Amino acid sequence: MIGLQAVDKFWSARSGNLDEPAELARRLDMHVGFAPNLDSAPASEGQPRRQYGVAILSKLPILESRNTLLPKPGNTPDRRIDFIALSPGVDVRSAQVVDTLASDLRPYTGKLAITTSTSAAATVGGDVPATLALDLGPAAAFPTFVPGVDRTYDVSTTATVTSTADDALRTGTYAQTLTFTLSTTTP
């Protein structure tokens, strides 16, 4: 849901004389509820009434709406007149009145958390094919052994692990050092 204030509906040239609530709903593929706070005669004969007010946009149909006009306090806004109404499953995480003189009222902002619940019956299970393969590179080439000489022989080869799985759990890059041990008996 999106709640909007200061919405024009054929109000003036500043908004292109558009029906802003309907245009926003069309562009966002949402349903709209509009309530005028100011309602004036058309700019010219045969034109729609000029309105200015509040709107709510919703992905779900709006079954009912109501607008309560509030008194207009004088020159400097000094209190909050807006409230956030919540349905079950919606919690306020934070809220504050913004201290600004940009409007005839103080903006009220809030962060909400929406809890949803979905249940579905499904069968869980299945076979997971073996999808890992190990390929060893060329055989390691050891230098000539010298009997009776204590010596370390360092050689290397490569090993490639390939996953053909198409899920994120088993795909990715793997690295592992492989140690080959050569043991001999007396020659």
N, C-alpha and C. Protein backbone atom coordinates (compact mmCIF):
# COMPACT_ATOMS: atom_id res chain seq x y z
N MET A 1 0.85 -1.19 0.00
CA MET A 1 0.00 0.00 0.00
C MET A 1 0.88 1.23 0.00
N ILE A 2 0.39 2.26 -0.65
CA ILE A 2 1.08 3.55 -0.69
C ILE A 2 0.07 4.62 -0.31
N GLY A 3 0.37 5.41 0.72
CA GLY A 3 -0.48 6.52 1.12
C GLY A 3 0.11 7.82 0.62
N LEU A 4 -0.71 8.65 -0.02
CA LEU A 4 -0.25 9.91 -0.61
C LEU A 4 -1.05 11.08 -0.09
N GLN A 5 -0.37 12.18 0.14
CA GLN A 5 -1.00 13.45 0.49
C GLN A 5 -0.71 14.44 -0.63
N ALA A 6 -1.45 15.52 -0.67
CA ALA A 6 -1.23 16.61 -1.63
C ALA A 6 -1.29 16.09 -3.06
N VAL A 7 -2.36 15.38 -3.39
CA VAL A 7 -2.54 14.80 -4.71
C VAL A 7 -3.53 15.65 -5.50
N ASP A 8 -3.15 15.98 -6.73
CA ASP A 8 -4.01 16.78 -7.61
C ASP A 8 -4.90 15.89 -8.46
N LYS A 9 -6.13 16.35 -8.64
CA LYS A 9 -7.05 15.69 -9.57
C LYS A 9 -7.68 16.81 -10.40
N PHE A 10 -7.14 16.98 -11.61
CA PHE A 10 -7.54 18.07 -12.51
C PHE A 10 -7.38 19.44 -11.83
N TRP A 11 -6.41 19.56 -10.91
CA TRP A 11 -6.29 20.76 -10.08
C TRP A 11 -5.80 21.98 -10.84
N SER A 12 -4.63 21.84 -11.50
CA SER A 12 -4.08 23.01 -12.19
C SER A 12 -2.98 22.59 -13.16
N ALA A 13 -2.39 23.58 -13.80
CA ALA A 13 -1.31 23.32 -14.77
C ALA A 13 -0.08 22.73 -14.09
N ARG A 14 0.09 22.95 -12.79
CA ARG A 14 1.29 22.44 -12.11
C ARG A 14 1.40 20.92 -12.22
N SER A 15 0.26 20.25 -12.35
CA SER A 15 0.26 18.79 -12.51
C SER A 15 -0.31 18.39 -13.86
N GLY A 16 -0.26 19.33 -14.82
CA GLY A 16 -0.74 19.03 -16.17
C GLY A 16 -2.23 18.79 -16.23
N ASN A 17 -2.97 19.26 -15.24
CA ASN A 17 -4.42 19.05 -15.15
C ASN A 17 -4.80 17.58 -15.25
N LEU A 18 -3.93 16.73 -14.75
CA LEU A 18 -4.15 15.28 -14.78
C LEU A 18 -4.97 14.82 -13.59
N ASP A 19 -5.57 13.65 -13.75
CA ASP A 19 -6.15 12.94 -12.63
C ASP A 19 -4.99 12.11 -12.06
N GLU A 20 -4.18 12.73 -11.19
CA GLU A 20 -2.97 12.07 -10.67
C GLU A 20 -3.25 10.73 -10.00
N PRO A 21 -4.28 10.61 -9.15
CA PRO A 21 -4.51 9.31 -8.51
C PRO A 21 -4.75 8.20 -9.54
N ALA A 22 -5.57 8.48 -10.55
CA ALA A 22 -5.86 7.46 -11.56
C ALA A 22 -4.62 7.15 -12.40
N GLU A 23 -3.84 8.16 -12.72
CA GLU A 23 -2.64 7.96 -13.53
C GLU A 23 -1.59 7.14 -12.77
N LEU A 24 -1.41 7.45 -11.49
CA LEU A 24 -0.47 6.66 -10.67
C LEU A 24 -0.93 5.21 -10.57
N ALA A 25 -2.22 5.01 -10.34
CA ALA A 25 -2.75 3.64 -10.23
C ALA A 25 -2.55 2.88 -11.54
N ARG A 26 -2.77 3.55 -12.66
CA ARG A 26 -2.60 2.90 -13.97
C ARG A 26 -1.14 2.52 -14.19
N ARG A 27 -0.23 3.45 -13.92
CA ARG A 27 1.20 3.19 -14.17
C ARG A 27 1.78 2.13 -13.24
N LEU A 28 1.26 2.04 -12.02
CA LEU A 28 1.77 1.07 -11.05
C LEU A 28 0.95 -0.22 -11.02
N ASP A 29 -0.09 -0.28 -11.86
CA ASP A 29 -0.99 -1.44 -11.89
C ASP A 29 -1.55 -1.72 -10.49
N MET A 30 -2.14 -0.67 -9.90
CA MET A 30 -2.68 -0.76 -8.55
C MET A 30 -4.12 -0.21 -8.55
N HIS A 31 -4.83 -0.44 -7.46
CA HIS A 31 -6.15 0.12 -7.24
C HIS A 31 -5.97 1.42 -6.47
N VAL A 32 -6.93 2.34 -6.61
CA VAL A 32 -6.78 3.64 -5.96
C VAL A 32 -8.07 4.03 -5.24
N GLY A 33 -7.87 4.70 -4.11
CA GLY A 33 -8.95 5.36 -3.40
C GLY A 33 -8.54 6.81 -3.24
N PHE A 34 -9.39 7.77 -3.62
CA PHE A 34 -9.07 9.20 -3.55
C PHE A 34 -10.14 9.92 -2.75
N ALA A 35 -9.70 10.89 -1.94
CA ALA A 35 -10.64 11.72 -1.18
C ALA A 35 -10.19 13.17 -1.29
N PRO A 36 -11.05 14.05 -1.79
CA PRO A 36 -10.67 15.45 -1.91
C PRO A 36 -10.75 16.18 -0.57
N ASN A 37 -9.75 17.02 -0.31
CA ASN A 37 -9.78 17.91 0.85
C ASN A 37 -10.17 19.32 0.40
N LEU A 38 -9.88 19.62 -0.85
CA LEU A 38 -10.32 20.87 -1.47
C LEU A 38 -11.08 20.49 -2.73
N ASP A 39 -12.23 21.08 -2.95
CA ASP A 39 -13.07 20.75 -4.09
C ASP A 39 -13.54 22.07 -4.69
N SER A 40 -13.06 22.39 -5.92
CA SER A 40 -13.37 23.67 -6.54
C SER A 40 -14.10 23.47 -7.86
N ALA A 41 -14.74 24.51 -8.30
CA ALA A 41 -15.45 24.49 -9.58
C ALA A 41 -14.45 24.24 -10.71
N PRO A 42 -14.94 23.71 -11.84
CA PRO A 42 -14.05 23.48 -12.98
C PRO A 42 -13.41 24.78 -13.47
N ALA A 43 -12.25 24.66 -14.10
CA ALA A 43 -11.56 25.83 -14.65
C ALA A 43 -12.37 26.44 -15.78
N SER A 44 -13.07 25.61 -16.53
CA SER A 44 -13.94 26.11 -17.60
C SER A 44 -15.15 25.19 -17.74
N GLU A 45 -16.17 25.69 -18.38
CA GLU A 45 -17.42 24.96 -18.56
C GLU A 45 -17.18 23.60 -19.21
N GLY A 46 -17.79 22.56 -18.64
CA GLY A 46 -17.69 21.22 -19.20
C GLY A 46 -16.48 20.43 -18.73
N GLN A 47 -15.59 21.03 -17.98
CA GLN A 47 -14.40 20.35 -17.46
C GLN A 47 -14.74 19.70 -16.12
N PRO A 48 -13.94 18.72 -15.67
CA PRO A 48 -14.19 18.10 -14.35
C PRO A 48 -13.87 19.08 -13.22
N ARG A 49 -14.41 18.79 -12.05
CA ARG A 49 -14.14 19.61 -10.88
C ARG A 49 -12.66 19.52 -10.54
N ARG A 50 -12.12 20.59 -9.99
CA ARG A 50 -10.71 20.63 -9.59
C ARG A 50 -10.63 20.19 -8.13
N GLN A 51 -9.85 19.13 -7.89
CA GLN A 51 -9.78 18.60 -6.53
C GLN A 51 -8.33 18.39 -6.11
N TYR A 52 -8.13 18.47 -4.80
CA TYR A 52 -6.81 18.32 -4.20
C TYR A 52 -7.03 17.54 -2.92
N GLY A 53 -6.26 16.44 -2.71
CA GLY A 53 -6.55 15.65 -1.52
C GLY A 53 -5.56 14.55 -1.25
N VAL A 54 -6.09 13.43 -0.77
CA VAL A 54 -5.27 12.29 -0.36
C VAL A 54 -5.69 11.07 -1.18
N ALA A 55 -4.73 10.14 -1.31
CA ALA A 55 -5.02 8.92 -2.07
C ALA A 55 -4.31 7.74 -1.43
N ILE A 56 -4.87 6.58 -1.64
CA ILE A 56 -4.25 5.32 -1.22
C ILE A 56 -4.19 4.43 -2.45
N LEU A 57 -3.00 3.86 -2.70
CA LEU A 57 -2.81 2.90 -3.78
C LEU A 57 -2.60 1.53 -3.14
N SER A 58 -3.21 0.51 -3.73
CA SER A 58 -3.12 -0.83 -3.17
C SER A 58 -3.06 -1.86 -4.29
N LYS A 59 -2.27 -2.91 -4.08
CA LYS A 59 -2.24 -4.02 -5.04
C LYS A 59 -3.56 -4.81 -4.97
N LEU A 60 -4.21 -4.79 -3.82
CA LEU A 60 -5.49 -5.49 -3.65
C LEU A 60 -6.63 -4.48 -3.81
N PRO A 61 -7.81 -4.93 -4.21
CA PRO A 61 -8.94 -4.01 -4.35
C PRO A 61 -9.26 -3.31 -3.03
N ILE A 62 -9.66 -2.06 -3.12
CA ILE A 62 -10.07 -1.28 -1.95
C ILE A 62 -11.58 -1.44 -1.82
N LEU A 63 -12.00 -2.10 -0.76
CA LEU A 63 -13.43 -2.40 -0.60
C LEU A 63 -14.22 -1.23 -0.04
N GLU A 64 -13.56 -0.42 0.78
CA GLU A 64 -14.27 0.70 1.40
C GLU A 64 -13.26 1.76 1.79
N SER A 65 -13.64 3.03 1.67
CA SER A 65 -12.76 4.11 2.12
C SER A 65 -13.61 5.26 2.66
N ARG A 66 -12.97 6.07 3.48
CA ARG A 66 -13.68 7.20 4.11
C ARG A 66 -12.66 8.28 4.38
N ASN A 67 -13.05 9.53 4.23
CA ASN A 67 -12.18 10.67 4.48
C ASN A 67 -12.79 11.53 5.57
N THR A 68 -12.00 11.87 6.59
CA THR A 68 -12.46 12.75 7.66
C THR A 68 -11.69 14.06 7.54
N LEU A 69 -12.40 15.13 7.25
CA LEU A 69 -11.77 16.44 7.12
C LEU A 69 -11.39 16.96 8.51
N LEU A 70 -10.20 17.49 8.62
CA LEU A 70 -9.70 18.03 9.88
C LEU A 70 -9.76 19.54 9.87
N PRO A 71 -9.84 20.17 11.05
CA PRO A 71 -9.84 21.64 11.08
C PRO A 71 -8.50 22.18 10.59
N LYS A 72 -8.54 23.38 10.02
CA LYS A 72 -7.31 24.01 9.55
C LYS A 72 -6.78 24.93 10.65
N PRO A 73 -5.64 24.68 11.30
CA PRO A 73 -5.09 25.57 12.32
C PRO A 73 -4.42 26.77 11.68
N GLY A 74 -4.25 27.56 12.17
CA GLY A 74 -3.76 28.79 11.66
C GLY A 74 -2.55 28.67 10.84
N ASN A 75 -1.15 29.80 11.28
CA ASN A 75 -0.06 30.08 10.35
C ASN A 75 1.08 29.09 10.46
N THR A 76 1.49 28.65 11.67
CA THR A 76 2.64 27.79 11.88
C THR A 76 2.19 26.42 12.38
N PRO A 77 2.56 25.38 11.68
CA PRO A 77 2.19 24.05 12.19
C PRO A 77 2.91 23.79 13.51
N ASP A 78 2.18 23.34 14.50
CA ASP A 78 2.81 23.09 15.80
C ASP A 78 2.45 21.73 16.37
N ARG A 79 1.77 20.89 15.60
CA ARG A 79 1.41 19.57 16.12
C ARG A 79 1.21 18.59 14.97
N ARG A 80 1.22 17.35 15.33
CA ARG A 80 0.96 16.28 14.37
C ARG A 80 -0.54 16.12 14.22
N ILE A 81 -0.99 16.08 12.96
CA ILE A 81 -2.41 15.84 12.73
C ILE A 81 -2.63 14.54 11.97
N ASP A 82 -1.55 13.92 11.50
CA ASP A 82 -1.66 12.67 10.77
C ASP A 82 -1.34 11.50 11.68
N PHE A 83 -1.95 10.38 11.39
CA PHE A 83 -1.72 9.16 12.15
C PHE A 83 -1.55 8.01 11.17
N ILE A 84 -0.91 6.98 11.63
CA ILE A 84 -0.78 5.77 10.83
C ILE A 84 -1.72 4.73 11.43
N ALA A 85 -2.69 4.31 10.64
CA ALA A 85 -3.65 3.28 11.09
C ALA A 85 -3.14 1.93 10.60
N LEU A 86 -3.18 0.95 11.47
CA LEU A 86 -2.60 -0.35 11.15
C LEU A 86 -3.64 -1.46 11.20
N SER A 87 -3.43 -2.43 10.36
CA SER A 87 -4.23 -3.65 10.37
C SER A 87 -3.46 -4.70 11.16
N PRO A 88 -4.11 -5.77 11.58
CA PRO A 88 -3.39 -6.87 12.22
C PRO A 88 -2.29 -7.39 11.28
N GLY A 89 -1.16 -7.73 11.85
CA GLY A 89 -0.05 -8.21 11.05
C GLY A 89 0.89 -7.11 10.59
N VAL A 90 0.59 -5.84 10.96
CA VAL A 90 1.46 -4.72 10.61
C VAL A 90 1.90 -4.07 11.91
N ASP A 91 3.22 -3.93 12.07
CA ASP A 91 3.78 -3.33 13.29
C ASP A 91 4.61 -2.11 12.92
N VAL A 92 4.60 -1.09 13.79
CA VAL A 92 5.42 0.09 13.59
C VAL A 92 6.81 -0.18 14.17
N ARG A 93 7.83 -0.02 13.35
CA ARG A 93 9.22 -0.17 13.80
C ARG A 93 9.75 1.16 14.31
N SER A 94 9.37 2.26 13.65
CA SER A 94 9.74 3.60 14.11
C SER A 94 8.79 4.60 13.45
N ALA A 95 8.64 5.75 14.08
CA ALA A 95 7.80 6.81 13.53
C ALA A 95 8.30 8.14 14.06
N GLN A 96 8.17 9.17 13.23
CA GLN A 96 8.59 10.50 13.69
C GLN A 96 7.89 11.59 12.91
N VAL A 97 7.72 12.73 13.56
CA VAL A 97 7.21 13.93 12.92
C VAL A 97 8.42 14.70 12.41
N VAL A 98 8.40 15.06 11.13
CA VAL A 98 9.52 15.78 10.53
C VAL A 98 9.34 17.27 10.80
N ASP A 99 10.35 17.90 11.40
CA ASP A 99 10.30 19.32 11.76
C ASP A 99 10.67 20.15 10.54
N THR A 100 9.66 20.62 9.81
CA THR A 100 9.89 21.43 8.61
C THR A 100 8.73 22.41 8.43
N LEU A 101 9.01 23.52 7.79
CA LEU A 101 7.95 24.48 7.46
C LEU A 101 7.65 24.43 5.96
N ALA A 102 7.95 23.32 5.33
CA ALA A 102 7.75 23.17 3.88
C ALA A 102 6.28 23.00 3.53
N SER A 103 5.42 22.84 4.52
CA SER A 103 4.01 22.60 4.26
C SER A 103 3.19 23.22 5.38
N ASP A 104 1.86 23.19 5.21
CA ASP A 104 0.99 23.68 6.26
C ASP A 104 0.75 22.62 7.33
N LEU A 105 1.41 21.49 7.20
CA LEU A 105 1.35 20.45 8.23
C LEU A 105 2.70 19.79 8.33
N ARG A 106 2.93 19.12 9.42
CA ARG A 106 4.20 18.44 9.63
C ARG A 106 4.12 17.03 9.07
N PRO A 107 5.04 16.66 8.19
CA PRO A 107 5.04 15.29 7.67
C PRO A 107 5.27 14.29 8.78
N TYR A 108 4.66 13.15 8.65
CA TYR A 108 4.77 12.06 9.63
C TYR A 108 5.26 10.84 8.88
N THR A 109 6.41 10.33 9.26
CA THR A 109 6.97 9.18 8.57
C THR A 109 7.03 7.99 9.51
N GLY A 110 6.98 6.82 8.94
CA GLY A 110 7.05 5.61 9.75
C GLY A 110 7.63 4.47 8.96
N LYS A 111 8.30 3.56 9.66
CA LYS A 111 8.78 2.30 9.08
C LYS A 111 7.91 1.20 9.65
N LEU A 112 7.33 0.42 8.74
CA LEU A 112 6.39 -0.62 9.13
C LEU A 112 6.94 -1.99 8.80
N ALA A 113 6.56 -2.97 9.58
CA ALA A 113 6.90 -4.36 9.30
C ALA A 113 5.60 -5.11 9.06
N ILE A 114 5.53 -5.79 7.93
CA ILE A 114 4.32 -6.53 7.57
C ILE A 114 4.62 -8.02 7.72
N THR A 115 3.83 -8.69 8.53
CA THR A 115 3.98 -10.12 8.74
C THR A 115 2.95 -10.84 7.88
N THR A 116 3.43 -11.75 7.07
CA THR A 116 2.50 -12.52 6.25
C THR A 116 2.65 -13.99 6.59
N SER A 117 1.63 -14.73 6.34
CA SER A 117 1.65 -16.16 6.61
C SER A 117 1.07 -16.88 5.41
N THR A 118 1.79 -17.88 4.97
CA THR A 118 1.32 -18.68 3.85
C THR A 118 1.51 -20.14 4.20
N SER A 119 0.54 -20.95 3.91
CA SER A 119 0.72 -22.38 4.12
C SER A 119 0.27 -23.10 2.86
N ALA A 120 0.96 -24.18 2.60
CA ALA A 120 0.61 -24.99 1.43
C ALA A 120 1.01 -26.43 1.71
N ALA A 121 0.23 -27.34 1.20
CA ALA A 121 0.57 -28.75 1.36
C ALA A 121 1.42 -29.17 0.17
N ALA A 122 2.50 -29.85 0.44
CA ALA A 122 3.37 -30.32 -0.63
C ALA A 122 4.12 -31.55 -0.19
N THR A 123 4.50 -32.35 -1.15
CA THR A 123 5.31 -33.52 -0.88
C THR A 123 6.77 -33.12 -1.04
N VAL A 124 7.57 -33.44 -0.04
CA VAL A 124 8.98 -33.09 -0.08
C VAL A 124 9.78 -34.36 -0.26
N GLY A 125 10.75 -34.33 -1.13
CA GLY A 125 11.59 -35.50 -1.34
C GLY A 125 12.05 -35.58 -2.76
N GLY A 126 12.80 -36.60 -3.07
CA GLY A 126 13.28 -36.80 -4.42
C GLY A 126 14.68 -37.35 -4.40
N ASP A 127 15.19 -37.66 -5.58
CA ASP A 127 16.53 -38.17 -5.73
C ASP A 127 17.44 -37.07 -6.21
N VAL A 128 18.63 -37.02 -5.66
CA VAL A 128 19.64 -36.07 -6.09
C VAL A 128 20.73 -36.86 -6.78
N PRO A 129 20.92 -36.64 -8.07
CA PRO A 129 21.94 -37.40 -8.79
C PRO A 129 23.34 -36.97 -8.36
N ALA A 130 24.28 -37.91 -8.51
CA ALA A 130 25.67 -37.58 -8.24
C ALA A 130 26.13 -36.59 -9.30
N THR A 131 26.56 -35.43 -8.86
CA THR A 131 26.87 -34.39 -9.83
C THR A 131 28.28 -33.84 -9.69
N LEU A 132 29.10 -34.43 -8.82
CA LEU A 132 30.47 -33.97 -8.68
C LEU A 132 31.40 -34.96 -9.38
N ALA A 133 32.40 -34.41 -10.06
CA ALA A 133 33.39 -35.26 -10.74
C ALA A 133 34.77 -34.76 -10.38
N LEU A 134 35.74 -35.67 -10.24
CA LEU A 134 37.13 -35.33 -9.92
C LEU A 134 38.00 -35.80 -11.07
N ASP A 135 38.72 -34.86 -11.68
CA ASP A 135 39.65 -35.19 -12.75
C ASP A 135 41.05 -34.81 -12.28
N LEU A 136 41.97 -35.78 -12.33
CA LEU A 136 43.36 -35.51 -11.97
C LEU A 136 44.13 -35.15 -13.22
N GLY A 137 45.06 -34.21 -13.07
CA GLY A 137 45.90 -33.78 -14.19
C GLY A 137 46.95 -34.82 -14.51
N PRO A 138 48.01 -34.43 -15.23
CA PRO A 138 49.06 -35.38 -15.60
C PRO A 138 49.72 -35.97 -14.37
N ALA A 139 50.22 -37.18 -14.51
CA ALA A 139 50.87 -37.87 -13.39
C ALA A 139 52.08 -37.06 -12.92
N ALA A 140 52.28 -37.05 -11.63
CA ALA A 140 53.42 -36.34 -11.06
C ALA A 140 54.70 -37.07 -11.43
N ALA A 141 55.72 -36.33 -11.85
CA ALA A 141 56.99 -36.94 -12.26
C ALA A 141 58.02 -36.72 -11.16
N PHE A 142 58.35 -37.79 -10.43
CA PHE A 142 59.32 -37.71 -9.35
C PHE A 142 60.73 -37.78 -9.93
N PRO A 143 61.69 -37.07 -9.32
CA PRO A 143 63.08 -37.22 -9.76
C PRO A 143 63.61 -38.59 -9.34
N THR A 144 64.79 -38.91 -9.78
CA THR A 144 65.41 -40.19 -9.48
C THR A 144 65.67 -40.30 -7.98
N PHE A 145 65.32 -41.48 -7.43
CA PHE A 145 65.53 -41.71 -6.01
C PHE A 145 66.99 -42.10 -5.78
N VAL A 146 67.51 -41.57 -4.69
CA VAL A 146 68.88 -41.93 -4.30
C VAL A 146 68.77 -42.70 -3.00
N PRO A 147 69.05 -44.01 -3.00
CA PRO A 147 68.91 -44.81 -1.79
C PRO A 147 69.83 -44.32 -0.68
N GLY A 148 69.32 -44.34 0.53
CA GLY A 148 70.10 -43.98 1.71
C GLY A 148 70.26 -42.48 1.90
N VAL A 149 69.68 -41.65 1.04
CA VAL A 149 69.81 -40.19 1.17
C VAL A 149 68.46 -39.65 1.62
N ASP A 150 68.52 -38.93 2.75
CA ASP A 150 67.30 -38.31 3.29
C ASP A 150 67.02 -37.06 2.44
N ARG A 151 65.94 -37.08 1.70
CA ARG A 151 65.66 -35.99 0.77
C ARG A 151 64.15 -35.83 0.63
N THR A 152 63.72 -34.58 0.46
CA THR A 152 62.30 -34.30 0.21
C THR A 152 62.12 -34.14 -1.29
N TYR A 153 61.15 -34.83 -1.82
CA TYR A 153 60.84 -34.75 -3.24
C TYR A 153 59.52 -33.99 -3.39
N ASP A 154 59.57 -32.81 -3.96
CA ASP A 154 58.35 -32.01 -4.17
C ASP A 154 57.93 -32.10 -5.63
N VAL A 155 56.71 -32.51 -5.86
CA VAL A 155 56.14 -32.56 -7.20
C VAL A 155 54.70 -32.08 -7.11
N SER A 156 54.10 -31.78 -8.24
CA SER A 156 52.71 -31.33 -8.20
C SER A 156 51.97 -31.77 -9.45
N THR A 157 50.67 -31.76 -9.35
CA THR A 157 49.78 -32.00 -10.47
C THR A 157 48.51 -31.22 -10.16
N THR A 158 47.53 -31.33 -10.98
CA THR A 158 46.29 -30.59 -10.76
C THR A 158 45.14 -31.56 -10.55
N ALA A 159 44.12 -31.07 -9.86
CA ALA A 159 42.89 -31.82 -9.68
C ALA A 159 41.74 -30.86 -9.94
N THR A 160 40.78 -31.25 -10.74
CA THR A 160 39.64 -30.39 -11.05
C THR A 160 38.38 -31.05 -10.55
N VAL A 161 37.61 -30.31 -9.72
CA VAL A 161 36.31 -30.78 -9.24
C VAL A 161 35.26 -30.05 -10.06
N THR A 162 34.37 -30.80 -10.68
CA THR A 162 33.33 -30.21 -11.52
C THR A 162 31.97 -30.57 -10.95
N SER A 163 31.14 -29.55 -10.84
CA SER A 163 29.76 -29.77 -10.40
C SER A 163 28.83 -29.47 -11.57
N THR A 164 27.93 -30.37 -11.85
CA THR A 164 26.95 -30.15 -12.91
C THR A 164 25.58 -29.84 -12.31
N ALA A 165 25.54 -29.58 -11.02
CA ALA A 165 24.26 -29.27 -10.37
C ALA A 165 23.79 -27.91 -10.85
N ASP A 166 22.48 -27.72 -10.90
CA ASP A 166 21.96 -26.43 -11.31
C ASP A 166 21.30 -25.69 -10.16
N ASP A 167 21.71 -25.98 -8.95
CA ASP A 167 21.20 -25.22 -7.81
C ASP A 167 22.38 -24.57 -7.08
N ALA A 168 22.11 -23.47 -6.42
CA ALA A 168 23.16 -22.68 -5.79
C ALA A 168 23.83 -23.39 -4.63
N LEU A 169 23.18 -24.41 -4.07
CA LEU A 169 23.75 -25.08 -2.92
C LEU A 169 25.01 -25.85 -3.28
N ARG A 170 25.06 -26.41 -4.46
CA ARG A 170 26.19 -27.25 -4.83
C ARG A 170 27.07 -26.65 -5.92
N THR A 171 26.70 -25.52 -6.50
CA THR A 171 27.54 -24.93 -7.53
C THR A 171 28.49 -23.95 -6.89
N GLY A 172 29.56 -23.64 -7.56
CA GLY A 172 30.52 -22.68 -7.04
C GLY A 172 31.93 -23.15 -7.30
N THR A 173 32.89 -22.51 -6.65
CA THR A 173 34.29 -22.84 -6.82
C THR A 173 34.77 -23.57 -5.59
N TYR A 174 35.48 -24.66 -5.79
CA TYR A 174 36.00 -25.46 -4.70
C TYR A 174 37.52 -25.47 -4.81
N ALA A 175 38.22 -25.48 -3.69
CA ALA A 175 39.67 -25.59 -3.69
C ALA A 175 40.07 -26.51 -2.55
N GLN A 176 41.05 -27.39 -2.82
CA GLN A 176 41.54 -28.31 -1.81
C GLN A 176 42.94 -28.74 -2.20
N THR A 177 43.85 -28.72 -1.25
CA THR A 177 45.20 -29.22 -1.49
C THR A 177 45.20 -30.72 -1.32
N LEU A 178 45.74 -31.41 -2.30
CA LEU A 178 45.85 -32.87 -2.25
C LEU A 178 47.30 -33.23 -1.98
N THR A 179 47.54 -34.12 -1.05
CA THR A 179 48.90 -34.56 -0.73
C THR A 179 49.06 -36.00 -1.15
N PHE A 180 50.09 -36.25 -1.98
CA PHE A 180 50.40 -37.61 -2.42
C PHE A 180 51.61 -38.07 -1.63
N THR A 181 51.54 -39.22 -0.98
CA THR A 181 52.64 -39.75 -0.20
C THR A 181 53.19 -40.98 -0.89
N LEU A 182 54.51 -40.98 -1.08
CA LEU A 182 55.19 -42.12 -1.70
C LEU A 182 55.98 -42.81 -0.61
N SER A 183 55.76 -44.08 -0.43
CA SER A 183 56.56 -44.81 0.54
C SER A 183 57.22 -45.98 -0.18
N THR A 184 58.43 -46.21 0.19
CA THR A 184 59.16 -47.32 -0.44
C THR A 184 59.66 -48.27 0.64
N THR A 185 59.93 -49.44 0.20
CA THR A 185 60.59 -50.42 1.09
C THR A 185 62.04 -50.52 0.61
N THR A 186 62.78 -51.35 1.27
CA THR A 186 64.19 -51.47 0.85
C THR A 186 64.26 -51.87 -0.60
N PRO A 187 65.25 -51.32 -1.37
CA PRO A 187 65.31 -51.61 -2.81
C PRO A 187 65.68 -53.06 -3.11
